[in-house]
């Protein structure tokens, strides 16, 4: 039976984290890096049941949750360290801003003219990069002093951005530099997913007569109520 848009089932990030055996932060990382299809409603994320099932199917078939045969890792460790892949090399930073600095520095090292082009991608009130620190935030020298990092070539990079903003900035940076976002720069390396638990959940979802389907129905009912309420 084909469901209408109002009848379509959704999951919240915390519910998805429970099913996959992940931290909620790991789920947000997958969503913002577009590894997991989701819908943003204001500040909230929702994941369609069919997109979730497709995601698990891909993970199960391709074993893409394994990272180069090493221990399976996530983009954000429990200690707060940010992990990412840049041109196939594993890197880490102490924060999202630290990751941003590392990526921009690498792009500049490969193309010294990159910053001139990247600087034009920001808005009027907030410039991503500037040669003068005070030009980063229009009429807000206090922000420029507190939220900026000087790059090795003397330019300044603004860091007063949310994780969502940083993901967007780096996606633009890749487009400007001619690199592939999600491949040359992978901000959400494969996570450790409880595949057996996830596949069991999919099986429950596909079996409306199963006694175990109660939990599935409860989760999706809450998601639908959230959407309609």
Foldseek 3Di string as FASTA:
>chain_A
DDDDPLPWFKFFLVRVCVLFVHDSVLSVLCPLLVVQPWDDDPPGIIHTPVSLVVSLVCCVVVVQLDDVPDPRAWQADPVGKGWKAAQNDIDIDNHLLRVLLVVVLVLCVVPVCLCVVLQVPDDCQATQKALDLCNRGPPCVVQSVVAWDAHPVRIIGGHPDDSSVSSVSVCVSCVSSVHDRCPNINRTRRHRTPSVSNVVLVVLVVDPPDPVVPVVVVRRVVRSVVVVD
